[in-house]
All heavy atoms as atom14 arrays in JSON, in Angstrom:
{
  "sequence": "TDRLTVLVAAGVEVDDAELATMAAAGVDV",
  "atom14_mask": [
    [1, 1, 1, 1, 1, 1, 1, 0, 0, 0, 0, 0, 0, 0],
    [1, 1, 1, 1, 1, 1, 1, 1, 0, 0, 0, 0, 0, 0],
    [1, 1, 1, 1, 1, 1, 1, 1, 1, 1, 1, 0, 0, 0],
    [1, 1, 1, 1, 1, 1, 1, 1, 0, 0, 0, 0, 0, 0],
    [1, 1, 1, 1, 1, 1, 1, 0, 0, 0, 0, 0, 0, 0],
    [1, 1, 1, 1, 1, 1, 1, 0, 0, 0, 0, 0, 0, 0],
    [1, 1, 1, 1, 1, 1, 1, 1, 0, 0, 0, 0, 0, 0],
    [1, 1, 1, 1, 1, 1, 1, 0, 0, 0, 0, 0, 0, 0],
    [1, 1, 1, 1, 1, 0, 0, 0, 0, 0, 0, 0, 0, 0],
    [1, 1, 1, 1, 1, 0, 0, 0, 0, 0, 0, 0, 0, 0],
    [1, 1, 1, 1, 0, 0, 0, 0, 0, 0, 0, 0, 0, 0],
    [1, 1, 1, 1, 1, 1, 1, 0, 0, 0, 0, 0, 0, 0],
    [1, 1, 1, 1, 1, 1, 1, 1, 1, 0, 0, 0, 0, 0],
    [1, 1, 1, 1, 1, 1, 1, 0, 0, 0, 0, 0, 0, 0],
    [1, 1, 1, 1, 1, 1, 1, 1, 0, 0, 0, 0, 0, 0],
    [1, 1, 1, 1, 1, 1, 1, 1, 0, 0, 0, 0, 0, 0],
    [1, 1, 1, 1, 1, 0, 0, 0, 0, 0, 0, 0, 0, 0],
    [1, 1, 1, 1, 1, 1, 1, 1, 1, 0, 0, 0, 0, 0],
    [1, 1, 1, 1, 1, 1, 1, 1, 0, 0, 0, 0, 0, 0],
    [1, 1, 1, 1, 1, 0, 0, 0, 0, 0, 0, 0, 0, 0],
    [1, 1, 1, 1, 1, 1, 1, 0, 0, 0, 0, 0, 0, 0],
    [1, 1, 1, 1, 1, 1, 1, 1, 0, 0, 0, 0, 0, 0],
    [1, 1, 1, 1, 1, 0, 0, 0, 0, 0, 0, 0, 0, 0],
    [1, 1, 1, 1, 1, 0, 0, 0, 0, 0, 0, 0, 0, 0],
    [1, 1, 1, 1, 1, 0, 0, 0, 0, 0, 0, 0, 0, 0],
    [1, 1, 1, 1, 0, 0, 0, 0, 0, 0, 0, 0, 0, 0],
    [1, 1, 1, 1, 1, 1, 1, 0, 0, 0, 0, 0, 0, 0],
    [1, 1, 1, 1, 1, 1, 1, 1, 0, 0, 0, 0, 0, 0],
    [1, 1, 1, 1, 1, 1, 1, 0, 0, 0, 0, 0, 0, 0]
  ],
  "atom14_positions": [
    [[0.84, -1.21, -0.01], [0.02, 0.0, -0.01], [0.9, 1.23, 0.0], [1.97, 1.26, 0.6], [-0.94, 0.02, 1.22], [-1.76, 1.18, 1.19], [-0.17, -0.02, 2.52], [0.0, 0.0, 0.0], [0.0, 0.0, 0.0], [0.0, 0.0, 0.0], [0.0, 0.0, 0.0], [0.0, 0.0, 0.0], [0.0, 0.0, 0.0], [0.0, 0.0, 0.0]],
    [[0.39, 2.29, -0.68], [1.1, 3.57, -0.65], [0.49, 4.5, 0.4], [0.83, 5.67, 0.47], [1.07, 4.23, -2.02], [-0.35, 4.52, -2.51], [-1.32, 4.15, -1.8], [-0.5, 5.1, -3.61], [0.0, 0.0, 0.0], [0.0, 0.0, 0.0], [0.0, 0.0, 0.0], [0.0, 0.0, 0.0], [0.0, 0.0, 0.0], [0.0, 0.0, 0.0]],
    [[-0.39, 3.9, 1.22], [-0.98, 4.72, 2.32], [-0.61, 4.07, 3.66], [-1.43, 3.62, 4.43], [-2.52, 4.76, 2.16], [-2.94, 5.47, 0.85], [-4.41, 5.77, 0.87], [-5.23, 4.58, 0.72], [-6.57, 4.6, 0.84], [-7.2, 5.71, 1.11], [-7.23, 3.47, 0.65], [0.0, 0.0, 0.0], [0.0, 0.0, 0.0], [0.0, 0.0, 0.0]],
    [[0.71, 4.08, 3.89], [1.29, 3.44, 5.07], [1.76, 4.46, 6.05], [2.49, 5.39, 5.68], [2.44, 2.51, 4.64], [3.29, 1.9, 5.76], [2.46, 0.98, 6.63], [4.49, 1.17, 5.15], [0.0, 0.0, 0.0], [0.0, 0.0, 0.0], [0.0, 0.0, 0.0], [0.0, 0.0, 0.0], [0.0, 0.0, 0.0], [0.0, 0.0, 0.0]],
    [[1.38, 4.3, 7.31], [1.89, 5.14, 8.39], [2.53, 4.22, 9.42], [1.91, 3.27, 9.88], [0.75, 5.94, 9.08], [0.12, 6.76, 8.08], [1.31, 6.82, 10.17], [0.0, 0.0, 0.0], [0.0, 0.0, 0.0], [0.0, 0.0, 0.0], [0.0, 0.0, 0.0], [0.0, 0.0, 0.0], [0.0, 0.0, 0.0], [0.0, 0.0, 0.0]],
    [[3.77, 4.52, 9.79], [4.5, 3.73, 10.76], [4.64, 4.53, 12.05], [5.2, 5.62, 12.03], [5.89, 3.33, 10.21], [6.68, 2.57, 11.3], [5.76, 2.52, 8.95], [0.0, 0.0, 0.0], [0.0, 0.0, 0.0], [0.0, 0.0, 0.0], [0.0, 0.0, 0.0], [0.0, 0.0, 0.0], [0.0, 0.0, 0.0], [0.0, 0.0, 0.0]],
    [[4.09, 3.98, 13.12], [4.14, 4.64, 14.45], [5.12, 3.92, 15.29], [4.9, 2.77, 15.7], [2.74, 4.65, 15.08], [1.62, 5.27, 14.29], [0.32, 5.18, 15.09], [1.94, 6.71, 13.93], [0.0, 0.0, 0.0], [0.0, 0.0, 0.0], [0.0, 0.0, 0.0], [0.0, 0.0, 0.0], [0.0, 0.0, 0.0], [0.0, 0.0, 0.0]],
    [[6.25, 4.57, 15.59], [7.28, 3.98, 16.48], [7.0, 4.45, 17.86], [7.03, 5.69, 18.17], [8.65, 4.43, 16.04], [9.72, 3.79, 16.93], [8.92, 4.02, 14.57], [0.0, 0.0, 0.0], [0.0, 0.0, 0.0], [0.0, 0.0, 0.0], [0.0, 0.0, 0.0], [0.0, 0.0, 0.0], [0.0, 0.0, 0.0], [0.0, 0.0, 0.0]],
    [[6.66, 3.54, 18.78], [6.27, 3.9, 20.13], [7.39, 4.55, 20.9], [8.58, 4.28, 20.61], [5.77, 2.65, 20.87], [0.0, 0.0, 0.0], [0.0, 0.0, 0.0], [0.0, 0.0, 0.0], [0.0, 0.0, 0.0], [0.0, 0.0, 0.0], [0.0, 0.0, 0.0], [0.0, 0.0, 0.0], [0.0, 0.0, 0.0], [0.0, 0.0, 0.0]],
    [[7.05, 5.36, 21.85], [8.08, 5.99, 22.69], [8.9, 4.95, 23.4], [8.44, 3.94, 23.88], [7.37, 6.89, 23.73], [0.0, 0.0, 0.0], [0.0, 0.0, 0.0], [0.0, 0.0, 0.0], [0.0, 0.0, 0.0], [0.0, 0.0, 0.0], [0.0, 0.0, 0.0], [0.0, 0.0, 0.0], [0.0, 0.0, 0.0], [0.0, 0.0, 0.0]],
    [[10.22, 5.18, 23.42], [11.15, 4.27, 24.08], [11.71, 3.19, 23.19], [12.61, 2.45, 23.6], [0.0, 0.0, 0.0], [0.0, 0.0, 0.0], [0.0, 0.0, 0.0], [0.0, 0.0, 0.0], [0.0, 0.0, 0.0], [0.0, 0.0, 0.0], [0.0, 0.0, 0.0], [0.0, 0.0, 0.0], [0.0, 0.0, 0.0], [0.0, 0.0, 0.0]],
    [[11.24, 3.05, 21.95], [11.77, 2.04, 21.05], [13.0, 2.59, 20.33], [12.92, 3.63, 19.69], [10.73, 1.58, 20.0], [11.3, 0.6, 19.03], [9.51, 0.99, 20.72], [0.0, 0.0, 0.0], [0.0, 0.0, 0.0], [0.0, 0.0, 0.0], [0.0, 0.0, 0.0], [0.0, 0.0, 0.0], [0.0, 0.0, 0.0], [0.0, 0.0, 0.0]],
    [[14.11, 1.9, 20.48], [15.34, 2.39, 19.82], [15.38, 1.99, 18.37], [15.23, 0.81, 18.01], [16.54, 1.77, 20.56], [16.71, 2.24, 22.0], [17.93, 1.7, 22.66], [18.74, 1.04, 21.96], [18.13, 1.93, 23.87], [0.0, 0.0, 0.0], [0.0, 0.0, 0.0], [0.0, 0.0, 0.0], [0.0, 0.0, 0.0], [0.0, 0.0, 0.0]],
    [[15.53, 2.97, 17.49], [15.57, 2.74, 16.08], [16.78, 3.45, 15.46], [17.31, 4.41, 16.03], [14.3, 3.2, 15.39], [13.1, 2.35, 15.82], [14.01, 4.68, 15.71], [0.0, 0.0, 0.0], [0.0, 0.0, 0.0], [0.0, 0.0, 0.0], [0.0, 0.0, 0.0], [0.0, 0.0, 0.0], [0.0, 0.0, 0.0], [0.0, 0.0, 0.0]],
    [[17.19, 2.99, 14.29], [18.34, 3.55, 13.6], [17.86, 4.75, 12.77], [17.0, 4.59, 11.92], [18.98, 2.49, 12.74], [20.21, 3.01, 12.03], [21.24, 3.15, 12.67], [20.08, 3.25, 10.8], [0.0, 0.0, 0.0], [0.0, 0.0, 0.0], [0.0, 0.0, 0.0], [0.0, 0.0, 0.0], [0.0, 0.0, 0.0], [0.0, 0.0, 0.0]],
    [[18.49, 5.9, 12.98], [18.07, 7.11, 12.27], [18.25, 6.96, 10.76], [17.42, 7.41, 9.96], [18.88, 8.34, 12.75], [18.45, 8.74, 14.18], [17.34, 8.36, 14.57], [19.24, 9.44, 14.84], [0.0, 0.0, 0.0], [0.0, 0.0, 0.0], [0.0, 0.0, 0.0], [0.0, 0.0, 0.0], [0.0, 0.0, 0.0], [0.0, 0.0, 0.0]],
    [[19.32, 6.29, 10.32], [19.54, 6.11, 8.91], [18.43, 5.25, 8.27], [17.99, 5.5, 7.14], [20.88, 5.45, 8.69], [0.0, 0.0, 0.0], [0.0, 0.0, 0.0], [0.0, 0.0, 0.0], [0.0, 0.0, 0.0], [0.0, 0.0, 0.0], [0.0, 0.0, 0.0], [0.0, 0.0, 0.0], [0.0, 0.0, 0.0], [0.0, 0.0, 0.0]],
    [[18.0, 4.23, 9.02], [16.92, 3.4, 8.53], [15.63, 4.21, 8.39], [14.88, 4.06, 7.4], [16.71, 2.2, 9.49], [15.72, 1.16, 9.0], [15.64, -0.05, 9.91], [16.23, -0.04, 11.01], [14.96, -1.0, 9.55], [0.0, 0.0, 0.0], [0.0, 0.0, 0.0], [0.0, 0.0, 0.0], [0.0, 0.0, 0.0], [0.0, 0.0, 0.0]],
    [[15.37, 5.03, 9.37], [14.16, 5.89, 9.29], [14.24, 6.84, 8.11], [13.26, 7.07, 7.4], [13.98, 6.69, 10.56], [13.72, 5.87, 11.87], [13.58, 6.81, 13.06], [12.46, 5.01, 11.72], [0.0, 0.0, 0.0], [0.0, 0.0, 0.0], [0.0, 0.0, 0.0], [0.0, 0.0, 0.0], [0.0, 0.0, 0.0], [0.0, 0.0, 0.0]],
    [[15.44, 7.37, 7.87], [15.62, 8.3, 6.73], [15.36, 7.61, 5.41], [14.76, 8.17, 4.48], [17.04, 8.89, 6.78], [0.0, 0.0, 0.0], [0.0, 0.0, 0.0], [0.0, 0.0, 0.0], [0.0, 0.0, 0.0], [0.0, 0.0, 0.0], [0.0, 0.0, 0.0], [0.0, 0.0, 0.0], [0.0, 0.0, 0.0], [0.0, 0.0, 0.0]],
    [[15.8, 6.34, 5.3], [15.56, 5.58, 4.07], [14.08, 5.38, 3.84], [13.57, 5.51, 2.72], [16.25, 4.21, 4.17], [17.68, 4.43, 4.29], [15.99, 3.39, 2.91], [0.0, 0.0, 0.0], [0.0, 0.0, 0.0], [0.0, 0.0, 0.0], [0.0, 0.0, 0.0], [0.0, 0.0, 0.0], [0.0, 0.0, 0.0], [0.0, 0.0, 0.0]],
    [[13.33, 5.09, 4.93], [11.91, 4.9, 4.8], [11.23, 6.2, 4.38], [10.36, 6.22, 3.48], [11.34, 4.4, 6.15], [11.8, 3.02, 6.55], [11.18, 2.61, 8.19], [12.08, 1.08, 8.45], [0.0, 0.0, 0.0], [0.0, 0.0, 0.0], [0.0, 0.0, 0.0], [0.0, 0.0, 0.0], [0.0, 0.0, 0.0], [0.0, 0.0, 0.0]],
    [[11.6, 7.26, 5.02], [10.96, 8.57, 4.71], [11.25, 8.94, 3.27], [10.36, 9.46, 2.56], [11.49, 9.62, 5.69], [0.0, 0.0, 0.0], [0.0, 0.0, 0.0], [0.0, 0.0, 0.0], [0.0, 0.0, 0.0], [0.0, 0.0, 0.0], [0.0, 0.0, 0.0], [0.0, 0.0, 0.0], [0.0, 0.0, 0.0], [0.0, 0.0, 0.0]],
    [[12.47, 8.71, 2.82], [12.8, 9.07, 1.43], [12.03, 8.22, 0.43], [11.79, 8.66, -0.71], [14.32, 8.85, 1.21], [0.0, 0.0, 0.0], [0.0, 0.0, 0.0], [0.0, 0.0, 0.0], [0.0, 0.0, 0.0], [0.0, 0.0, 0.0], [0.0, 0.0, 0.0], [0.0, 0.0, 0.0], [0.0, 0.0, 0.0], [0.0, 0.0, 0.0]],
    [[11.58, 7.04, 0.86], [10.77, 6.16, 0.0], [9.29, 6.48, 0.09], [8.46, 5.78, -0.48], [11.03, 4.73, 0.36], [0.0, 0.0, 0.0], [0.0, 0.0, 0.0], [0.0, 0.0, 0.0], [0.0, 0.0, 0.0], [0.0, 0.0, 0.0], [0.0, 0.0, 0.0], [0.0, 0.0, 0.0], [0.0, 0.0, 0.0], [0.0, 0.0, 0.0]],
    [[8.94, 7.54, 0.84], [7.55, 7.97, 0.89], [6.73, 7.38, 2.03], [5.52, 7.54, 2.05], [0.0, 0.0, 0.0], [0.0, 0.0, 0.0], [0.0, 0.0, 0.0], [0.0, 0.0, 0.0], [0.0, 0.0, 0.0], [0.0, 0.0, 0.0], [0.0, 0.0, 0.0], [0.0, 0.0, 0.0], [0.0, 0.0, 0.0], [0.0, 0.0, 0.0]],
    [[7.41, 6.78, 2.97], [6.69, 6.19, 4.12], [6.54, 7.26, 5.2], [7.51, 7.97, 5.55], [7.46, 4.96, 4.7], [6.71, 4.4, 5.92], [7.62, 3.87, 3.66], [0.0, 0.0, 0.0], [0.0, 0.0, 0.0], [0.0, 0.0, 0.0], [0.0, 0.0, 0.0], [0.0, 0.0, 0.0], [0.0, 0.0, 0.0], [0.0, 0.0, 0.0]],
    [[5.33, 7.4, 5.7], [5.06, 8.34, 6.79], [5.48, 7.68, 8.11], [4.76, 6.82, 8.63], [3.55, 8.66, 6.8], [3.18, 9.67, 7.88], [4.08, 10.19, 8.58], [1.99, 9.94, 8.04], [0.0, 0.0, 0.0], [0.0, 0.0, 0.0], [0.0, 0.0, 0.0], [0.0, 0.0, 0.0], [0.0, 0.0, 0.0], [0.0, 0.0, 0.0]],
    [[6.64, 8.06, 8.61], [7.18, 7.47, 9.83], [7.08, 8.51, 10.95], [7.57, 9.65, 10.8], [8.64, 7.05, 9.64], [9.15, 6.35, 10.92], [8.78, 6.08, 8.48], [0.0, 0.0, 0.0], [0.0, 0.0, 0.0], [0.0, 0.0, 0.0], [0.0, 0.0, 0.0], [0.0, 0.0, 0.0], [0.0, 0.0, 0.0], [0.0, 0.0, 0.0]]
  ]
}
């Protein structure tokens, strides 16, 4: 789907570079 929203809960450790890749691909993170 191109209507995807990813909600990362507070306290979950994620990689900023990975998030940037997702955002660049059009994912609403």
